[in-house]
Protein backbone atom coordinates (compact mmCIF):
# COMPACT_ATOMS: atom_id res chain seq x y z
CA MET A 1 -6.06 -15.71 12.06
CA ALA A 2 -3.29 -13.86 10.24
CA LEU A 3 -1.59 -17.18 9.40
CA ILE A 4 -4.88 -18.63 8.13
CA VAL A 5 -5.36 -15.62 5.86
CA ALA A 6 -1.72 -15.87 4.76
CA MET A 7 -2.22 -19.48 3.64
CA ALA A 8 -5.27 -18.53 1.58
CA TRP A 9 -3.43 -15.61 0.01
CA PHE A 10 -0.53 -17.88 -0.84
CA MET A 11 -2.83 -20.07 -2.93
CA GLN A 12 -4.32 -17.06 -4.68
CA ASN A 13 -0.97 -15.41 -5.47
CA LEU A 14 0.66 -18.66 -6.54
CA ASP A 15 -1.98 -19.46 -9.14
CA THR A 16 -1.54 -16.10 -10.83
CA THR A 17 1.85 -17.09 -12.27
CA ILE A 18 2.53 -20.78 -11.65
CA ILE A 19 1.04 -21.97 -14.94
CA ASN A 20 3.55 -19.93 -16.99
CA THR A 21 6.11 -22.75 -16.99
CA SER A 22 3.49 -25.37 -17.87
CA LEU A 23 1.91 -23.79 -20.95
CA PRO A 24 3.50 -26.16 -23.54
CA GLN A 25 2.38 -29.30 -21.68
CA MET A 26 -1.12 -27.89 -21.13
CA ALA A 27 -1.37 -26.93 -24.80
CA GLU A 28 -0.50 -30.49 -25.76
CA THR A 29 -3.32 -31.82 -23.56
CA PHE A 30 -5.86 -29.35 -24.97
CA GLY A 31 -4.71 -29.81 -28.58
CA VAL A 32 -3.85 -26.13 -29.13
CA ASP A 33 -0.69 -24.03 -29.39
CA ALA A 34 1.00 -22.73 -26.25
CA VAL A 35 0.12 -19.07 -26.94
CA SER A 36 -3.60 -19.92 -26.93
CA VAL A 37 -3.39 -21.19 -23.35
CA ASN A 38 -2.53 -17.64 -22.23
CA ILE A 39 -6.25 -16.97 -22.22
CA GLY A 40 -6.38 -19.06 -19.04
CA ILE A 41 -4.03 -16.60 -17.35
CA THR A 42 -6.02 -13.63 -18.59
CA ALA A 43 -9.37 -15.15 -17.54
CA TYR A 44 -8.04 -15.72 -14.01
CA VAL A 45 -6.71 -12.16 -13.65
CA VAL A 46 -9.80 -10.47 -15.11
CA ALA A 47 -12.23 -12.53 -13.01
CA GLY A 48 -10.19 -11.69 -9.96
CA ALA A 49 -10.31 -7.97 -10.70
CA ALA A 50 -14.06 -8.08 -11.37
CA PHE A 51 -15.00 -9.74 -8.07
CA ILE A 52 -12.74 -7.74 -5.73
CA PRO A 53 -15.22 -4.84 -5.26
CA LEU A 54 -17.91 -7.21 -3.99
CA GLY A 55 -15.77 -8.50 -1.12
CA GLY A 56 -16.56 -5.69 1.31
CA TRP A 57 -20.32 -5.71 0.65
CA LEU A 58 -20.60 -9.50 0.88
CA SER A 59 -18.68 -9.58 4.17
CA ASP A 60 -20.96 -6.90 5.64
CA ARG A 61 -24.08 -8.64 4.35
CA TYR A 62 -23.33 -12.27 5.17
CA GLY A 63 -20.36 -12.12 7.53
CA ALA A 64 -16.65 -12.15 6.72
CA LYS A 65 -16.13 -15.64 8.17
CA ARG A 66 -18.81 -17.23 5.99
CA ILE A 67 -17.69 -15.48 2.78
CA PHE A 68 -14.04 -16.25 3.43
CA ALA A 69 -14.76 -19.95 3.98
CA ILE A 70 -16.96 -20.10 0.87
CA ALA A 71 -14.27 -18.35 -1.19
CA ILE A 72 -11.66 -20.92 -0.12
CA VAL A 73 -14.01 -23.81 -0.95
CA VAL A 74 -14.83 -22.32 -4.38
CA PHE A 75 -11.14 -21.79 -5.07
CA GLY A 76 -10.25 -25.35 -4.09
CA LEU A 77 -13.05 -26.96 -6.13
CA ALA A 78 -12.23 -24.80 -9.15
CA SER A 79 -8.58 -25.87 -8.84
CA ILE A 80 -9.62 -29.53 -9.00
CA ALA A 81 -11.80 -28.69 -12.01
CA CYS A 82 -8.79 -27.07 -13.73
CA ALA A 83 -6.77 -30.26 -13.26
CA ALA A 84 -9.61 -32.35 -14.74
CA CYS A 85 -10.00 -30.25 -17.92
CA THR A 86 -9.37 -31.84 -21.30
CA ALA A 87 -10.37 -28.90 -23.51
CA LEU A 88 -9.36 -25.24 -23.54
CA TRP A 89 -12.91 -23.90 -23.13
CA GLN A 90 -13.36 -26.03 -20.01
CA PHE A 91 -10.11 -24.71 -18.61
CA VAL A 92 -11.09 -21.07 -19.22
CA LEU A 93 -14.41 -21.53 -17.39
CA ALA A 94 -12.70 -23.23 -14.46
CA ARG A 95 -10.13 -20.42 -14.27
CA VAL A 96 -12.90 -17.79 -14.19
CA VAL A 97 -14.48 -19.51 -11.19
CA GLN A 98 -11.08 -19.95 -9.57
CA GLY A 99 -10.25 -16.26 -10.09
CA ALA A 100 -13.57 -15.22 -8.54
CA GLY A 101 -12.92 -17.34 -5.44
CA GLY A 102 -9.39 -16.01 -5.16
CA ALA A 103 -10.54 -12.42 -5.52
CA LEU A 104 -12.94 -12.71 -2.60
CA MET A 105 -10.26 -14.24 -0.38
CA VAL A 106 -8.06 -11.12 -0.60
CA PRO A 107 -10.22 -8.21 0.65
CA VAL A 108 -12.34 -10.42 2.94
CA GLY A 109 -9.24 -12.00 4.49
CA ARG A 110 -7.77 -8.56 5.12
CA ILE A 111 -11.07 -7.41 6.67
CA ILE A 112 -10.92 -10.34 9.10
CA VAL A 113 -7.41 -9.37 10.20
CA LEU A 114 -8.20 -5.65 10.45
CA LYS A 115 -11.32 -6.18 12.53
CA ASN A 116 -9.62 -8.52 14.98
CA ALA A 117 -6.18 -6.91 15.35
CA GLY A 118 -5.59 -4.00 17.68
CA LYS A 119 -3.32 -1.09 16.76
CA GLN A 120 -0.47 -2.66 18.71
CA ASP A 121 -0.77 -5.94 16.76
CA LEU A 122 -1.44 -4.50 13.30
CA MET A 123 2.19 -4.43 12.20
CA ARG A 124 2.90 -8.03 13.23
CA ALA A 125 -0.33 -9.21 11.63
CA THR A 126 0.43 -7.33 8.40
CA ALA A 127 3.94 -8.79 8.29
CA LEU A 128 2.44 -12.29 8.50
CA ILE A 129 -0.15 -11.79 5.74
CA THR A 130 2.31 -9.96 3.46
CA TRP A 131 4.65 -12.90 2.89
CA PRO A 132 2.41 -14.67 0.32
CA ALA A 133 2.67 -11.68 -2.02
CA LEU A 134 6.46 -11.86 -1.62
CA LEU A 135 6.90 -15.62 -1.77
CA ALA A 136 4.42 -16.89 -4.34
CA PRO A 137 5.59 -15.03 -7.51
CA VAL A 138 9.21 -15.95 -6.76
CA ILE A 139 8.83 -19.67 -6.19
CA ALA A 140 6.05 -20.15 -8.77
CA PRO A 141 8.37 -20.73 -11.77
CA VAL A 142 10.53 -23.25 -9.90
CA LEU A 143 7.61 -25.05 -8.25
CA GLY A 144 5.54 -25.09 -11.43
CA GLY A 145 8.42 -26.44 -13.49
CA ALA A 146 9.24 -29.15 -10.95
CA LEU A 147 5.63 -30.38 -10.59
CA THR A 148 5.08 -30.36 -14.34
CA THR A 149 8.31 -32.23 -15.03
CA TRP A 150 7.96 -34.86 -12.33
CA TYR A 151 4.19 -35.41 -12.05
CA GLY A 152 2.34 -33.52 -14.80
CA TRP A 153 0.81 -30.06 -15.11
CA GLU A 154 -2.38 -31.14 -13.33
CA TRP A 155 -0.51 -31.12 -10.01
CA ILE A 156 0.02 -27.38 -10.05
CA PHE A 157 -3.74 -27.17 -9.43
CA LEU A 158 -4.21 -30.31 -7.33
CA LEU A 159 -1.69 -28.79 -4.91
CA ASN A 160 -4.44 -26.38 -3.83
CA ALA A 161 -6.89 -29.09 -2.73
CA PRO A 162 -5.28 -30.01 0.63
CA LEU A 163 -4.45 -26.35 1.29
CA ALA A 164 -8.06 -25.33 0.66
CA LEU A 165 -9.39 -28.14 2.86
CA THR A 166 -7.04 -27.22 5.70
CA GLY A 167 -7.81 -23.52 5.33
CA THR A 168 -11.58 -24.09 5.43
CA VAL A 169 -11.34 -26.19 8.61
CA LEU A 170 -9.15 -23.57 10.30
CA VAL A 171 -11.47 -20.71 9.32
CA LEU A 172 -14.50 -22.52 10.72
CA ALA A 173 -12.61 -23.37 13.91
CA TYR A 174 -10.75 -20.15 14.74
CA VAL A 175 -12.27 -17.15 12.93
CA PRO A 176 -15.03 -15.41 14.92
CA SER A 177 -18.37 -14.85 13.23
CA VAL A 178 -18.98 -11.10 12.94
CA ARG A 179 -21.33 -9.33 10.54
CA ASP A 180 -22.86 -5.90 10.09
CA SER A 181 -26.08 -5.61 12.08
CA GLU A 182 -27.55 -3.28 9.42
CA PRO A 183 -26.13 -4.36 6.03
CA LYS A 184 -26.43 -1.86 3.20
CA PRO A 185 -28.34 -2.64 -0.03
CA LEU A 186 -26.27 -3.58 -3.05
CA ASP A 187 -25.21 -0.64 -5.21
CA ARG A 188 -26.09 -2.16 -8.60
CA VAL A 189 -25.07 0.81 -10.74
CA GLY A 190 -21.76 1.16 -8.91
CA THR A 191 -21.16 -2.59 -9.25
CA VAL A 192 -21.61 -2.49 -13.03
CA LEU A 193 -19.39 0.57 -13.39
CA ILE A 194 -16.48 -0.60 -11.24
CA VAL A 195 -16.55 -4.18 -12.53
CA THR A 196 -16.50 -2.91 -16.13
CA SER A 197 -13.70 -0.48 -15.34
CA LEU A 198 -11.49 -3.04 -13.60
CA SER A 199 -12.12 -5.77 -16.20
CA LEU A 200 -11.21 -3.55 -19.16
CA THR A 201 -8.21 -2.00 -17.39
CA ILE A 202 -6.71 -5.23 -16.10
CA TYR A 203 -7.36 -7.13 -19.35
CA GLY A 204 -5.75 -4.43 -21.47
CA LEU A 205 -2.73 -4.13 -19.19
CA SER A 206 -2.32 -7.92 -19.02
CA GLU A 207 -2.40 -8.21 -22.80
CA LEU A 208 0.27 -5.52 -23.17
CA ALA A 209 2.75 -8.09 -21.85
CA GLN A 210 1.89 -10.33 -24.82
CA PRO A 211 2.94 -9.78 -28.46
CA SER A 212 -0.40 -8.54 -29.81
CA LEU A 213 -2.20 -5.45 -31.09
CA ILE A 214 -0.74 -2.74 -28.87
CA GLY A 215 -3.21 -0.10 -30.09
CA LEU A 216 -6.21 -2.14 -28.96
CA ASP A 217 -4.54 -3.13 -25.70
CA LEU A 218 -3.89 0.54 -24.89
CA ALA A 219 -7.44 1.52 -25.85
CA LEU A 220 -9.00 -0.98 -23.44
CA PRO A 221 -7.37 0.36 -20.24
CA ALA A 222 -8.03 3.90 -21.45
CA VAL A 223 -11.75 3.14 -21.73
CA GLY A 224 -11.55 1.30 -18.41
CA LEU A 225 -10.09 4.36 -16.70
CA LEU A 226 -12.82 6.59 -18.17
CA VAL A 227 -15.47 4.24 -16.82
CA GLY A 228 -13.57 4.28 -13.54
CA VAL A 229 -13.89 8.07 -13.40
CA GLY A 230 -17.64 7.62 -13.87
CA ALA A 231 -17.65 5.05 -11.05
CA VAL A 232 -15.88 7.48 -8.71
CA ARG A 233 -18.40 10.22 -9.51
CA TRP A 234 -21.23 7.78 -8.81
CA PHE A 235 -19.73 6.62 -5.50
CA ARG A 236 -19.44 10.22 -4.34
CA ARG A 237 -23.17 10.85 -4.63
CA ALA A 238 -24.67 7.38 -4.10
CA ALA A 239 -26.59 6.85 -0.86
CA TYR A 240 -25.04 3.41 -0.30
CA PRO A 241 -21.92 3.20 -2.52
CA LEU A 242 -20.43 -0.23 -3.17
CA VAL A 243 -16.99 1.22 -2.46
CA GLY A 244 -16.79 4.01 0.06
CA LEU A 245 -14.20 6.67 -0.82
CA GLY A 246 -13.76 7.90 2.75
CA PRO A 247 -10.36 6.17 3.24
CA LEU A 248 -8.87 8.26 0.41
CA ARG A 249 -9.19 11.32 2.66
CA VAL A 250 -6.79 9.71 5.15
CA PRO A 251 -3.25 10.95 4.16
CA THR A 252 -1.45 7.75 5.15
CA PHE A 253 -3.87 5.54 3.22
CA ALA A 254 -3.70 7.78 0.13
CA ALA A 255 0.11 7.82 0.20
CA ALA A 256 0.54 4.07 0.69
CA SER A 257 -2.30 2.89 -1.53
CA LEU A 258 -2.88 5.52 -4.20
CA HIS A 259 0.24 7.37 -5.34
CA ALA A 260 3.66 6.77 -3.72
CA GLY A 261 2.98 3.19 -2.63
CA ASN A 262 1.48 2.25 -5.97
CA LEU A 263 4.52 3.53 -7.88
CA ILE A 264 6.81 1.43 -5.70
CA ARG A 265 4.56 -1.62 -5.98
CA LEU A 266 4.43 -1.18 -9.76
CA ALA A 267 8.23 -1.25 -9.99
CA ILE A 268 8.56 -4.20 -7.62
CA SER A 269 5.95 -6.19 -9.58
CA ALA A 270 7.98 -5.86 -12.75
CA THR A 271 11.01 -7.65 -11.27
CA PRO A 272 9.63 -11.24 -11.02
CA PHE A 273 8.54 -10.83 -14.65
CA LEU A 274 11.83 -9.43 -15.96
CA LEU A 275 14.41 -11.37 -13.95
CA PRO A 276 13.68 -15.00 -14.99
CA LEU A 277 13.14 -13.82 -18.57
CA MET A 278 16.51 -12.02 -18.68
CA LEU A 279 18.39 -14.94 -17.17
CA GLN A 280 17.05 -17.34 -19.80
CA GLU A 281 16.67 -15.12 -22.89
CA ALA A 282 19.73 -12.87 -22.58
CA TRP A 283 22.06 -14.96 -20.42
CA GLY A 284 21.18 -18.32 -21.94
CA LEU A 285 20.70 -20.06 -18.57
CA THR A 286 18.54 -23.12 -18.15
CA PRO A 287 15.35 -22.77 -16.06
CA LEU A 288 17.09 -24.59 -13.20
CA GLU A 289 20.14 -22.29 -13.31
CA ALA A 290 17.91 -19.22 -13.48
CA GLY A 291 15.89 -20.57 -10.59
CA GLN A 292 18.96 -20.55 -8.34
CA LEU A 293 19.34 -16.78 -8.67
CA VAL A 294 15.59 -16.28 -8.25
CA LEU A 295 15.73 -18.34 -5.06
CA VAL A 296 18.41 -15.98 -3.69
CA TYR A 297 15.97 -13.15 -4.42
CA PHE A 298 13.38 -15.00 -2.30
CA LEU A 299 15.98 -15.63 0.41
CA GLY A 300 16.45 -11.88 0.77
CA ASN A 301 12.68 -11.53 1.23
CA LEU A 302 12.65 -14.21 3.91
CA VAL A 303 15.78 -13.39 5.94
CA ILE A 304 15.02 -9.69 6.35
CA LYS A 305 11.49 -10.38 7.63
CA VAL A 306 12.71 -10.87 11.22
CA ILE A 307 13.95 -7.27 11.50
CA THR A 308 11.18 -5.52 9.55
CA THR A 309 8.85 -4.84 12.48
CA PRO A 310 11.62 -3.67 14.90
CA LEU A 311 12.95 -1.43 12.11
CA MET A 312 9.56 0.27 11.69
CA ARG A 313 9.25 0.78 15.45
CA TRP A 314 12.74 2.23 15.71
CA LEU A 315 12.75 4.61 12.72
CA GLY A 316 9.08 5.14 11.88
CA PHE A 317 7.23 4.69 8.61
CA ARG A 318 8.45 7.77 6.74
CA THR A 319 12.17 7.21 7.30
CA VAL A 320 11.97 3.52 6.44
CA LEU A 321 9.75 3.92 3.38
CA VAL A 322 11.87 6.75 1.95
CA CYS A 323 15.33 5.28 2.59
CA ASN A 324 14.39 1.70 1.88
CA GLY A 325 12.35 2.82 -1.15
CA ILE A 326 15.50 4.41 -2.58
CA GLY A 327 17.21 1.08 -1.95
CA VAL A 328 14.39 -0.66 -3.86
CA GLY A 329 14.89 1.61 -6.86
CA LEU A 330 18.68 1.30 -6.90
CA SER A 331 18.66 -2.49 -6.47
CA ILE A 332 16.14 -2.92 -9.31
CA ALA A 333 18.22 -0.67 -11.56
CA ALA A 334 21.35 -2.64 -10.57
CA PHE A 335 19.96 -5.70 -12.38
CA GLY A 336 20.39 -3.70 -15.58
CA LEU A 337 24.13 -3.40 -14.92
CA LEU A 338 24.61 -7.17 -14.85
CA ASP A 339 25.24 -9.41 -17.84
CA ALA A 340 26.04 -13.04 -18.65
CA ARG A 341 29.70 -12.51 -17.71
CA THR A 342 28.80 -11.37 -14.19
CA GLY A 343 29.85 -13.82 -11.52
CA PHE A 344 27.16 -15.66 -9.58
CA VAL A 345 28.27 -14.07 -6.29
CA VAL A 346 27.74 -10.53 -7.61
CA GLY A 347 24.41 -11.43 -9.19
CA ALA A 348 23.29 -13.18 -6.00
CA ALA A 349 24.27 -10.15 -3.89
CA VAL A 350 22.14 -7.84 -6.05
CA ALA A 351 19.25 -10.31 -5.94
CA PHE A 352 19.48 -10.64 -2.17
CA VAL A 353 19.45 -6.87 -1.60
CA ALA A 354 16.56 -6.45 -4.06
CA GLY A 355 14.59 -9.14 -2.25
CA ALA A 356 15.32 -7.71 1.20
CA THR A 357 14.33 -4.14 0.30
CA ARG A 358 11.22 -5.47 -1.44
CA SER A 359 10.14 -7.28 1.71
CA ILE A 360 10.61 -4.24 3.97
CA GLU A 361 8.81 -1.88 1.59
CA PHE A 362 5.81 -4.17 1.06
CA THR A 363 5.34 -4.69 4.80
CA GLY A 364 5.64 -0.96 5.47
CA ILE A 365 3.23 0.06 2.72
CA ASN A 366 0.67 -2.58 3.64
CA THR A 367 0.75 -1.63 7.32
CA LEU A 368 0.72 2.14 6.80
CA SER A 369 -2.32 1.85 4.54
CA PHE A 370 -4.50 0.84 7.49
CA ALA A 371 -2.66 2.52 10.35
CA ASP A 372 -5.12 5.43 10.60
CA ILE A 373 -8.28 3.81 9.21
CA GLY A 374 -11.23 3.72 11.61
CA SER A 375 -13.24 0.55 12.13
CA ALA A 376 -16.18 1.87 10.10
CA ASP A 377 -14.02 2.34 6.97
CA ARG A 378 -11.95 -0.84 7.14
CA ALA A 379 -14.09 -2.82 4.68
CA SER A 380 -13.99 0.01 2.11
CA ALA A 381 -10.26 0.52 2.70
CA SER A 382 -9.57 -3.19 2.16
CA THR A 383 -11.54 -3.18 -1.10
CA LEU A 384 -9.85 -0.01 -2.37
CA PHE A 385 -6.42 -1.33 -1.45
CA SER A 386 -7.05 -4.65 -3.23
CA MET A 387 -8.27 -2.85 -6.36
CA THR A 388 -5.29 -0.50 -6.59
CA GLN A 389 -2.93 -3.38 -5.82
CA GLN A 390 -4.36 -5.46 -8.68
CA ILE A 391 -3.99 -2.56 -11.09
CA SER A 392 -0.42 -1.74 -10.00
CA VAL A 393 0.71 -5.36 -10.42
CA ALA A 394 -0.76 -5.55 -13.93
CA LEU A 395 0.64 -2.12 -14.76
CA GLY A 396 4.10 -3.12 -13.54
CA VAL A 397 4.27 -6.07 -15.93
CA ALA A 398 2.80 -3.95 -18.74
CA VAL A 399 5.35 -1.15 -18.26
CA ALA A 400 8.18 -3.69 -18.23
CA ALA A 401 6.86 -5.34 -21.41
CA ILE A 402 6.50 -1.98 -23.18
CA ALA A 403 10.03 -0.98 -22.17
CA LEU A 404 11.33 -4.26 -23.61
CA GLN A 405 9.43 -3.70 -26.87
CA VAL A 406 10.62 -0.10 -27.20
CA ALA A 407 14.24 -1.07 -26.51
CA HIS A 408 14.16 -4.05 -28.85
CA GLY A 409 12.31 -2.47 -31.73
CA PRO A 410 10.38 -4.29 -34.47
CA ALA A 411 13.17 -6.72 -35.39
CA ALA A 412 12.22 -10.39 -35.04
CA THR A 413 15.39 -11.26 -33.14
CA PRO A 414 15.98 -12.56 -29.60
CA LEU A 415 15.92 -10.09 -26.73
CA THR A 416 19.34 -8.80 -25.67
CA GLN A 417 20.85 -7.67 -22.39
CA SER A 418 20.53 -4.00 -23.40
CA ASP A 419 16.77 -4.48 -23.85
CA PHE A 420 16.42 -5.80 -20.31
CA SER A 421 18.76 -3.12 -18.94
CA LEU A 422 16.45 -0.36 -20.15
CA ALA A 423 13.42 -2.11 -18.62
CA PHE A 424 15.18 -2.42 -15.25
CA TYR A 425 16.32 1.24 -15.37
CA VAL A 426 12.75 2.40 -16.06
CA SER A 427 11.38 0.26 -13.22
CA GLY A 428 14.08 1.54 -10.85
CA ALA A 429 13.32 5.15 -11.72
CA ILE A 430 9.61 4.61 -11.01
CA ALA A 431 10.45 3.14 -7.59
CA LEU A 432 12.70 6.12 -6.79
CA ALA A 433 9.87 8.51 -7.69
CA GLY A 434 7.55 6.66 -5.32
CA ALA A 435 10.15 6.73 -2.53
CA LEU A 436 10.63 10.49 -2.86
CA LEU A 437 6.86 11.02 -2.73
CA MET A 438 6.91 9.36 0.68
CA LEU A 439 8.70 12.51 1.92
CA LEU A 440 5.26 14.16 1.89
CA LEU A 441 4.26 12.03 4.88
CA ARG A 442 4.32 13.57 8.35
CA PRO A 443 7.38 12.53 10.41
CA ASP A 444 5.07 10.82 12.90
CA ALA A 445 2.87 9.09 10.28
CA GLY A 446 1.32 5.91 11.68
CA HIS A 447 2.88 6.42 15.12
CA GLU A 448 -0.04 4.71 16.87
CA VAL A 449 1.00 1.48 15.15
CA THR A 450 4.78 1.76 15.41
CA GLY A 451 5.01 3.68 18.68
CA HIS A 452 7.70 5.80 17.02
CA ARG A 453 7.79 9.53 17.67
CA PRO A 454 10.37 11.94 16.19
CA ARG A 455 12.68 13.34 18.86
CA ARG A 456 11.28 16.86 18.54
CA ASP A 457 7.72 15.57 19.06
CA ALA A 458 8.83 13.47 22.01
CA ARG A 459 10.44 16.50 23.71
CA THR A 460 7.30 18.60 23.02
CA ASN A 461 5.04 15.99 24.60
CA ALA A 462 7.31 15.72 27.60
């Protein structure tokens, strides 16, 4: 089941960024300029954010298996519709539907894994479903460029059709049908509040990465956060809240999903945005040359995966998340020390370490988030985690874009290495702050999942 969910998540994560390399060709088909096609990216992200809160309620009401299968089908059909578009307005509508299907796959897929994995299997299951978030943003530029060059931009969407068909068949065959025997009524007020909050926040943060009206783009997430405060107040007193806030009282969930983990995820999310841009804009590399270094970054993610689970069991969550989190911050900052004269071996070494530490940290954060969550709160925890994850990813790109703009200034000249260096230093510092916050965890945090006990606790129990 974890592998089935991982395949669905791979599709969802891939489509967030894969169209970036195909914008000129798509613009030519639609008869508009390349910048105008960015609205397709924004529509996908905003629709995804808006539908995430409904995942938990829908799975309780109609069953996680049914909703997950429907979400995959909707995503696949919307992908085919994207490939068939000949006008920009058609493409935007298709991307909205695709984003909605993708959004439901994330929390509902996680609910399926959480409800069917025991404590002893949670870490292995989380490691399996985490790899799409690591793999998709890294290979998207290379894969998107190759498909567009060789076959046409339509194939970046048609690629999803066989994956969606396979995923639907596997879900129907292997995922058990479980639903809440007493589903709660829909919290309509809470739905309006949280959907409005997430839509405004994610849209404003996404637009900050584009050269536009910064004042307006900052105002939108500010209003979104205010509405979000209203949503939280409503959820606290509602009889049947759309999003239960109970998981936030669990220290491990709050640390991994709300403050420390979100800071680290924010910094990590900035790297796939900054790295390919630096290699091409500041170093003058071709997309293919830049892709080679990005692939080394992915290789670090992949190779280290085999030792991630044993590492958590040996050292425990706190030690790994603190020490490895410091490694995340330093490796991100190290990109700022490189320049076009740096040899490929040195650049590849930094990319490999950054990818490896990224993989370990993501797996640890994702597992710790649900290590102490009871079965009754798993749907709410999955929804909350998906919401904060979406915001942190958008915020990571926005912070990186703002750092670039501040470093570069108003001059209409190409970005320089010093501009990117500042952005990497800021991202690295944010990751270090998140790693140090992990020190607030108990030494035995999540021990039921890892089996790790500090030596003092082990002697006391004996």
